[in-house]
PDB file of N, CA and C in Angstrom:
ATOM      1  N   MET A   1      18.772  -4.991 -71.974  1.00  0.00           N
ATOM      2  CA  MET A   1      17.758  -5.745 -71.585  1.00  0.00           C
ATOM      3  C   MET A   1      16.576  -4.936 -71.657  1.00  0.00           C
ATOM      4  N   ARG A   2      15.413  -5.310 -72.240  1.00  0.00           N
ATOM      5  CA  ARG A   2      14.107  -4.698 -72.443  1.00  0.00           C
ATOM      6  C   ARG A   2      13.668  -4.237 -71.094  1.00  0.00           C
ATOM      7  N   LEU A   3      12.903  -3.011 -71.199  1.00  0.00           N
ATOM      8  CA  LEU A   3      12.342  -2.426 -69.846  1.00  0.00           C
ATOM      9  C   LEU A   3      11.313  -3.241 -69.257  1.00  0.00           C
ATOM     10  N   ASP A   4      10.373  -4.029 -69.935  1.00  0.00           N
ATOM     11  CA  ASP A   4       9.557  -4.874 -69.378  1.00  0.00           C
ATOM     12  C   ASP A   4      10.122  -6.068 -68.712  1.00  0.00           C
ATOM     13  N   LYS A   5      11.015  -6.575 -69.311  1.00  0.00           N
ATOM     14  CA  LYS A   5      11.777  -7.660 -68.668  1.00  0.00           C
ATOM     15  C   LYS A   5      12.579  -7.336 -67.405  1.00  0.00           C
ATOM     16  N   TYR A   6      13.134  -6.053 -67.491  1.00  0.00           N
ATOM     17  CA  TYR A   6      13.834  -5.764 -66.378  1.00  0.00           C
ATOM     18  C   TYR A   6      12.889  -5.378 -65.103  1.00  0.00           C
ATOM     19  N   LEU A   7      11.713  -4.667 -65.343  1.00  0.00           N
ATOM     20  CA  LEU A   7      10.821  -4.508 -64.288  1.00  0.00           C
ATOM     21  C   LEU A   7      10.432  -5.679 -63.659  1.00  0.00           C
ATOM     22  N   LYS A   8      10.160  -6.845 -64.491  1.00  0.00           N
ATOM     23  CA  LYS A   8       9.892  -8.259 -63.896  1.00  0.00           C
ATOM     24  C   LYS A   8      10.958  -8.867 -63.058  1.00  0.00           C
ATOM     25  N   VAL A   9      12.099  -8.994 -63.629  1.00  0.00           N
ATOM     26  CA  VAL A   9      13.256  -9.528 -63.011  1.00  0.00           C
ATOM     27  C   VAL A   9      13.644  -8.828 -61.667  1.00  0.00           C
ATOM     28  N   SER A  10      13.368  -7.417 -61.718  1.00  0.00           N
ATOM     29  CA  SER A  10      13.895  -6.839 -60.561  1.00  0.00           C
ATOM     30  C   SER A  10      12.805  -6.855 -59.535  1.00  0.00           C
ATOM     31  N   ARG A  11      11.546  -7.357 -59.916  1.00  0.00           N
ATOM     32  CA  ARG A  11      10.466  -7.548 -59.149  1.00  0.00           C
ATOM     33  C   ARG A  11       9.780  -5.985 -58.656  1.00  0.00           C
ATOM     34  N   LEU A  12      10.134  -5.051 -59.486  1.00  0.00           N
ATOM     35  CA  LEU A  12       9.216  -3.807 -59.404  1.00  0.00           C
ATOM     36  C   LEU A  12       7.867  -3.989 -59.716  1.00  0.00           C
ATOM     37  N   ILE A  13       7.589  -4.829 -60.701  1.00  0.00           N
ATOM     38  CA  ILE A  13       6.346  -5.229 -61.198  1.00  0.00           C
ATOM     39  C   ILE A  13       6.352  -6.840 -61.058  1.00  0.00           C
ATOM     40  N   LYS A  14       5.420  -7.304 -60.944  1.00  0.00           N
ATOM     41  CA  LYS A  14       5.299  -8.845 -60.681  1.00  0.00           C
ATOM     42  C   LYS A  14       5.207  -9.624 -61.824  1.00  0.00           C
ATOM     43  N   ARG A  15       4.458  -9.277 -62.922  1.00  0.00           N
ATOM     44  CA  ARG A  15       4.393  -9.924 -64.252  1.00  0.00           C
ATOM     45  C   ARG A  15       4.712  -9.037 -65.480  1.00  0.00           C
ATOM     46  N   ARG A  16       5.318  -9.694 -66.496  1.00  0.00           N
ATOM     47  CA  ARG A  16       5.853  -9.039 -67.590  1.00  0.00           C
ATOM     48  C   ARG A  16       4.727  -8.314 -68.411  1.00  0.00           C
ATOM     49  N   THR A  17       3.657  -9.004 -68.420  1.00  0.00           N
ATOM     50  CA  THR A  17       2.577  -8.516 -69.318  1.00  0.00           C
ATOM     51  C   THR A  17       1.889  -7.180 -68.462  1.00  0.00           C
ATOM     52  N   VAL A  18       1.981  -7.165 -67.294  1.00  0.00           N
ATOM     53  CA  VAL A  18       1.496  -5.978 -66.438  1.00  0.00           C
ATOM     54  C   VAL A  18       2.428  -4.918 -66.936  1.00  0.00           C
ATOM     55  N   ALA A  19       3.885  -5.240 -66.639  1.00  0.00           N
ATOM     56  CA  ALA A  19       4.758  -4.091 -67.153  1.00  0.00           C
ATOM     57  C   ALA A  19       4.578  -3.614 -68.432  1.00  0.00           C
ATOM     58  N   ASN A  20       4.322  -4.551 -69.468  1.00  0.00           N
ATOM     59  CA  ASN A  20       3.997  -4.054 -70.794  1.00  0.00           C
ATOM     60  C   ASN A  20       2.992  -3.069 -70.826  1.00  0.00           C
ATOM     61  N   GLU A  21       1.834  -3.666 -70.061  1.00  0.00           N
ATOM     62  CA  GLU A  21       0.526  -2.802 -70.243  1.00  0.00           C
ATOM     63  C   GLU A  21       0.896  -1.271 -69.595  1.00  0.00           C
ATOM     64  N   ALA A  22       1.740  -1.318 -68.434  1.00  0.00           N
ATOM     65  CA  ALA A  22       2.109  -0.028 -67.872  1.00  0.00           C
ATOM     66  C   ALA A  22       2.952   0.930 -68.740  1.00  0.00           C
ATOM     67  N   CYS A  23       3.788   0.298 -69.661  1.00  0.00           N
ATOM     68  CA  CYS A  23       4.631   1.128 -70.552  1.00  0.00           C
ATOM     69  C   CYS A  23       3.625   1.679 -71.727  1.00  0.00           C
ATOM     70  N   ASP A  24       2.697   0.749 -72.252  1.00  0.00           N
ATOM     71  CA  ASP A  24       1.797   1.164 -73.263  1.00  0.00           C
ATOM     72  C   ASP A  24       0.872   2.335 -72.736  1.00  0.00           C
ATOM     73  N   ALA A  25       0.554   2.356 -71.604  1.00  0.00           N
ATOM     74  CA  ALA A  25      -0.190   3.404 -70.738  1.00  0.00           C
ATOM     75  C   ALA A  25       0.348   4.759 -70.564  1.00  0.00           C
ATOM     76  N   GLY A  26       1.785   4.715 -70.859  1.00  0.00           N
ATOM     77  CA  GLY A  26       2.563   5.789 -70.426  1.00  0.00           C
ATOM     78  C   GLY A  26       2.936   6.285 -68.976  1.00  0.00           C
ATOM     79  N   ARG A  27       2.845   5.036 -68.294  1.00  0.00           N
ATOM     80  CA  ARG A  27       3.073   5.283 -66.983  1.00  0.00           C
ATOM     81  C   ARG A  27       4.493   4.838 -66.419  1.00  0.00           C
ATOM     82  N   VAL A  28       5.256   4.579 -67.353  1.00  0.00           N
ATOM     83  CA  VAL A  28       6.780   4.274 -66.941  1.00  0.00           C
ATOM     84  C   VAL A  28       7.684   5.407 -67.708  1.00  0.00           C
ATOM     85  N   LEU A  29       8.471   6.035 -67.019  1.00  0.00           N
ATOM     86  CA  LEU A  29       9.325   6.811 -67.581  1.00  0.00           C
ATOM     87  C   LEU A  29      10.851   6.387 -67.492  1.00  0.00           C
ATOM     88  N   VAL A  30      11.741   6.428 -68.348  1.00  0.00           N
ATOM     89  CA  VAL A  30      12.946   6.071 -68.264  1.00  0.00           C
ATOM     90  C   VAL A  30      13.876   7.335 -68.738  1.00  0.00           C
ATOM     91  N   ASN A  31      14.665   7.924 -67.730  1.00  0.00           N
ATOM     92  CA  ASN A  31      15.271   9.270 -67.960  1.00  0.00           C
ATOM     93  C   ASN A  31      14.427  10.415 -68.147  1.00  0.00           C
ATOM     94  N   ASP A  32      13.262  10.293 -67.450  1.00  0.00           N
ATOM     95  CA  ASP A  32      12.395  11.421 -67.499  1.00  0.00           C
ATOM     96  C   ASP A  32      11.663  11.565 -68.937  1.00  0.00           C
ATOM     97  N   LYS A  33      11.749  10.483 -69.906  1.00  0.00           N
ATOM     98  CA  LYS A  33      10.937  10.473 -70.954  1.00  0.00           C
ATOM     99  C   LYS A  33       9.952   9.308 -70.960  1.00  0.00           C
ATOM    100  N   PRO A  34       8.736   9.242 -71.459  1.00  0.00           N
ATOM    101  CA  PRO A  34       7.983   8.051 -71.585  1.00  0.00           C
ATOM    102  C   PRO A  34       8.467   6.924 -72.312  1.00  0.00           C
ATOM    103  N   ALA A  35       8.512   5.793 -72.074  1.00  0.00           N
ATOM    104  CA  ALA A  35       9.283   4.664 -72.616  1.00  0.00           C
ATOM    105  C   ALA A  35       8.203   3.508 -73.016  1.00  0.00           C
ATOM    106  N   LYS A  36       8.546   2.960 -74.210  1.00  0.00           N
ATOM    107  CA  LYS A  36       7.930   1.844 -74.497  1.00  0.00           C
ATOM    108  C   LYS A  36       8.598   0.629 -73.839  1.00  0.00           C
ATOM    109  N   ALA A  37       7.945  -0.671 -74.028  1.00  0.00           N
ATOM    110  CA  ALA A  37       8.588  -1.673 -73.294  1.00  0.00           C
ATOM    111  C   ALA A  37       9.700  -2.246 -73.741  1.00  0.00           C
ATOM    112  N   SER A  38       9.860  -1.927 -75.239  1.00  0.00           N
ATOM    113  CA  SER A  38      11.173  -2.297 -75.940  1.00  0.00           C
ATOM    114  C   SER A  38      12.398  -1.592 -75.473  1.00  0.00           C
ATOM    115  N   VAL A  39      12.421  -0.450 -74.774  1.00  0.00           N
ATOM    116  CA  VAL A  39      13.452   0.243 -74.543  1.00  0.00           C
ATOM    117  C   VAL A  39      14.412  -0.405 -73.975  1.00  0.00           C
ATOM    118  N   GLN A  40      15.660  -0.365 -74.336  1.00  0.00           N
ATOM    119  CA  GLN A  40      16.771  -0.931 -73.646  1.00  0.00           C
ATOM    120  C   GLN A  40      17.181  -0.221 -72.316  1.00  0.00           C
ATOM    121  N   VAL A  41      17.300  -1.047 -71.235  1.00  0.00           N
ATOM    122  CA  VAL A  41      17.582  -0.250 -70.041  1.00  0.00           C
ATOM    123  C   VAL A  41      19.184  -0.775 -69.661  1.00  0.00           C
ATOM    124  N   LYS A  42      19.844   0.160 -69.214  1.00  0.00           N
ATOM    125  CA  LYS A  42      21.326  -0.056 -69.005  1.00  0.00           C
ATOM    126  C   LYS A  42      21.684   0.499 -67.512  1.00  0.00           C
ATOM    127  N   THR A  43      22.723   0.220 -67.115  1.00  0.00           N
ATOM    128  CA  THR A  43      23.245   0.761 -65.645  1.00  0.00           C
ATOM    129  C   THR A  43      23.193   2.274 -65.770  1.00  0.00           C
ATOM    130  N   GLY A  44      22.713   2.977 -64.633  1.00  0.00           N
ATOM    131  CA  GLY A  44      22.691   4.323 -64.629  1.00  0.00           C
ATOM    132  C   GLY A  44      21.439   5.033 -65.002  1.00  0.00           C
ATOM    133  N   ASP A  45      20.635   4.138 -65.647  1.00  0.00           N
ATOM    134  CA  ASP A  45      19.231   4.958 -66.126  1.00  0.00           C
ATOM    135  C   ASP A  45      18.506   5.154 -64.727  1.00  0.00           C
ATOM    136  N   THR A  46      17.584   6.111 -64.956  1.00  0.00           N
ATOM    137  CA  THR A  46      16.398   6.181 -63.758  1.00  0.00           C
ATOM    138  C   THR A  46      15.128   5.748 -64.374  1.00  0.00           C
ATOM    139  N   VAL A  47      14.497   5.092 -63.622  1.00  0.00           N
ATOM    140  CA  VAL A  47      13.106   4.416 -64.140  1.00  0.00           C
ATOM    141  C   VAL A  47      12.187   4.816 -62.978  1.00  0.00           C
ATOM    142  N   GLU A  48      11.025   5.543 -63.649  1.00  0.00           N
ATOM    143  CA  GLU A  48      10.023   5.973 -62.717  1.00  0.00           C
ATOM    144  C   GLU A  48       8.695   5.554 -63.095  1.00  0.00           C
ATOM    145  N   ILE A  49       7.936   4.843 -62.126  1.00  0.00           N
ATOM    146  CA  ILE A  49       6.775   4.136 -62.250  1.00  0.00           C
ATOM    147  C   ILE A  49       5.706   4.852 -61.724  1.00  0.00           C
ATOM    148  N   GLN A  50       4.692   5.048 -62.246  1.00  0.00           N
ATOM    149  CA  GLN A  50       3.337   5.698 -61.590  1.00  0.00           C
ATOM    150  C   GLN A  50       2.346   4.782 -61.188  1.00  0.00           C
ATOM    151  N   PHE A  51       2.217   4.133 -59.924  1.00  0.00           N
ATOM    152  CA  PHE A  51       1.308   3.398 -59.486  1.00  0.00           C
ATOM    153  C   PHE A  51       0.002   4.037 -58.801  1.00  0.00           C
ATOM    154  N   GLY A  52      -1.043   4.448 -59.672  1.00  0.00           N
ATOM    155  CA  GLY A  52      -1.991   5.328 -59.229  1.00  0.00           C
ATOM    156  C   GLY A  52      -1.605   6.656 -58.708  1.00  0.00           C
ATOM    157  N   SER A  53      -1.636   7.128 -57.482  1.00  0.00           N
ATOM    158  CA  SER A  53      -1.396   8.269 -56.868  1.00  0.00           C
ATOM    159  C   SER A  53       0.196   8.356 -56.580  1.00  0.00           C
ATOM    160  N   ARG A  54       0.751   6.969 -56.300  1.00  0.00           N
ATOM    161  CA  ARG A  54       2.160   7.000 -55.922  1.00  0.00           C
ATOM    162  C   ARG A  54       2.984   6.733 -57.050  1.00  0.00           C
ATOM    163  N   ASN A  55       4.297   7.541 -56.834  1.00  0.00           N
ATOM    164  CA  ASN A  55       5.335   7.153 -58.074  1.00  0.00           C
ATOM    165  C   ASN A  55       6.456   6.482 -57.321  1.00  0.00           C
ATOM    166  N   VAL A  56       7.152   5.729 -57.989  1.00  0.00           N
ATOM    167  CA  VAL A  56       8.325   4.974 -57.613  1.00  0.00           C
ATOM    168  C   VAL A  56       9.541   5.348 -58.542  1.00  0.00           C
ATOM    169  N   LYS A  57      10.605   5.909 -58.001  1.00  0.00           N
ATOM    170  CA  LYS A  57      11.510   6.304 -58.845  1.00  0.00           C
ATOM    171  C   LYS A  57      12.824   5.432 -58.343  1.00  0.00           C
ATOM    172  N   VAL A  58      13.540   4.804 -59.248  1.00  0.00           N
ATOM    173  CA  VAL A  58      14.686   4.029 -58.898  1.00  0.00           C
ATOM    174  C   VAL A  58      15.801   4.458 -59.951  1.00  0.00           C
ATOM    175  N   GLU A  59      16.939   4.025 -59.554  1.00  0.00           N
ATOM    176  CA  GLU A  59      18.208   4.237 -60.333  1.00  0.00           C
ATOM    177  C   GLU A  59      18.598   2.723 -60.717  1.00  0.00           C
ATOM    178  N   VAL A  60      18.776   2.316 -61.919  1.00  0.00           N
ATOM    179  CA  VAL A  60      19.473   0.851 -62.280  1.00  0.00           C
ATOM    180  C   VAL A  60      20.826   0.839 -61.775  1.00  0.00           C
ATOM    181  N   LEU A  61      21.233  -0.143 -61.003  1.00  0.00           N
ATOM    182  CA  LEU A  61      22.665  -0.451 -60.504  1.00  0.00           C
ATOM    183  C   LEU A  61      23.024  -1.529 -61.324  1.00  0.00           C
ATOM    184  N   GLU A  62      22.260  -2.583 -61.720  1.00  0.00           N
ATOM    185  CA  GLU A  62      22.751  -3.799 -62.406  1.00  0.00           C
ATOM    186  C   GLU A  62      21.594  -4.360 -63.244  1.00  0.00           C
ATOM    187  N   VAL A  63      21.998  -5.045 -64.256  1.00  0.00           N
ATOM    188  CA  VAL A  63      21.173  -5.521 -65.299  1.00  0.00           C
ATOM    189  C   VAL A  63      21.500  -7.059 -65.322  1.00  0.00           C
ATOM    190  N   LYS A  64      20.829  -7.814 -64.970  1.00  0.00           N
ATOM    191  CA  LYS A  64      20.942  -9.275 -64.898  1.00  0.00           C
ATOM    192  C   LYS A  64      19.778 -10.256 -65.534  1.00  0.00           C
ATOM    193  N   GLU A  65      20.078 -11.157 -66.090  1.00  0.00           N
ATOM    194  CA  GLU A  65      18.860 -11.916 -66.746  1.00  0.00           C
ATOM    195  C   GLU A  65      18.103 -12.645 -65.700  1.00  0.00           C
ATOM    196  N   THR A  66      18.760 -13.338 -64.654  1.00  0.00           N
ATOM    197  CA  THR A  66      18.051 -13.812 -63.618  1.00  0.00           C
ATOM    198  C   THR A  66      18.778 -13.530 -62.342  1.00  0.00           C
ATOM    199  N   VAL A  67      17.876 -13.426 -61.187  1.00  0.00           N
ATOM    200  CA  VAL A  67      18.159 -13.058 -60.073  1.00  0.00           C
ATOM    201  C   VAL A  67      17.223 -13.901 -58.770  1.00  0.00           C
ATOM    202  N   LYS A  68      18.078 -14.176 -57.882  1.00  0.00           N
ATOM    203  CA  LYS A  68      17.310 -14.732 -56.713  1.00  0.00           C
ATOM    204  C   LYS A  68      16.543 -13.743 -55.933  1.00  0.00           C
ATOM    205  N   LYS A  69      15.661 -14.094 -55.200  1.00  0.00           N
ATOM    206  CA  LYS A  69      14.921 -13.098 -54.408  1.00  0.00           C
ATOM    207  C   LYS A  69      15.808 -12.222 -53.458  1.00  0.00           C
ATOM    208  N   ASP A  70      16.729 -12.956 -52.870  1.00  0.00           N
ATOM    209  CA  ASP A  70      17.551 -12.097 -51.951  1.00  0.00           C
ATOM    210  C   ASP A  70      18.239 -11.074 -52.491  1.00  0.00           C
ATOM    211  N   GLU A  71      18.737 -11.318 -53.584  1.00  0.00           N
ATOM    212  CA  GLU A  71      19.681 -10.453 -54.402  1.00  0.00           C
ATOM    213  C   GLU A  71      18.958  -9.297 -55.246  1.00  0.00           C
ATOM    214  N   VAL A  72      17.862  -9.241 -55.275  1.00  0.00           N
ATOM    215  CA  VAL A  72      17.042  -8.093 -55.924  1.00  0.00           C
ATOM    216  C   VAL A  72      17.457  -6.643 -55.565  1.00  0.00           C
ATOM    217  N   GLU A  73      17.698  -6.494 -54.281  1.00  0.00           N
ATOM    218  CA  GLU A  73      17.967  -5.177 -53.871  1.00  0.00           C
ATOM    219  C   GLU A  73      19.508  -4.682 -54.509  1.00  0.00           C
ATOM    220  N   SER A  74      20.199  -5.470 -54.974  1.00  0.00           N
ATOM    221  CA  SER A  74      21.428  -5.017 -55.647  1.00  0.00           C
ATOM    222  C   SER A  74      21.211  -4.501 -56.965  1.00  0.00           C
ATOM    223  N   MET A  75      19.818  -4.757 -57.520  1.00  0.00           N
ATOM    224  CA  MET A  75      19.775  -4.512 -59.082  1.00  0.00           C
ATOM    225  C   MET A  75      19.364  -2.719 -59.013  1.00  0.00           C
ATOM    226  N   PHE A  76      18.858  -2.337 -58.008  1.00  0.00           N
ATOM    227  CA  PHE A  76      18.498  -1.059 -58.242  1.00  0.00           C
ATOM    228  C   PHE A  76      18.520  -0.222 -56.808  1.00  0.00           C
ATOM    229  N   ARG A  77      18.438   0.975 -56.733  1.00  0.00           N
ATOM    230  CA  ARG A  77      18.203   1.849 -55.497  1.00  0.00           C
ATOM    231  C   ARG A  77      17.076   2.736 -55.640  1.00  0.00           C
ATOM    232  N   TYR A  78      16.411   3.097 -54.439  1.00  0.00           N
ATOM    233  CA  TYR A  78      15.383   4.147 -54.462  1.00  0.00           C
ATOM    234  C   TYR A  78      15.726   5.402 -54.640  1.00  0.00           C
ATOM    235  N   ILE A  79      15.286   6.228 -55.372  1.00  0.00           N
ATOM    236  CA  ILE A  79      15.657   7.692 -55.145  1.00  0.00           C
ATOM    237  C   ILE A  79      14.495   8.749 -54.631  1.00  0.00           C
TER     238      ILE A  79
END
């Protein structure tokens, strides 16, 4: 699954366009490397997002096309 879509589906970022812009600005790292929005995310990857002065680092546990709000927690875990 594309990185921008994963960020939206997992609700780490609310909108796919915002996720796309964050990737273009170099604020998203996958496995400690700057990533474009088109990078394929798979189970076991680490994703780090820089929100201003705060960093959020998660490990990808599952990749699903659609997820209910209650089941989002099963897609990743905070590191």
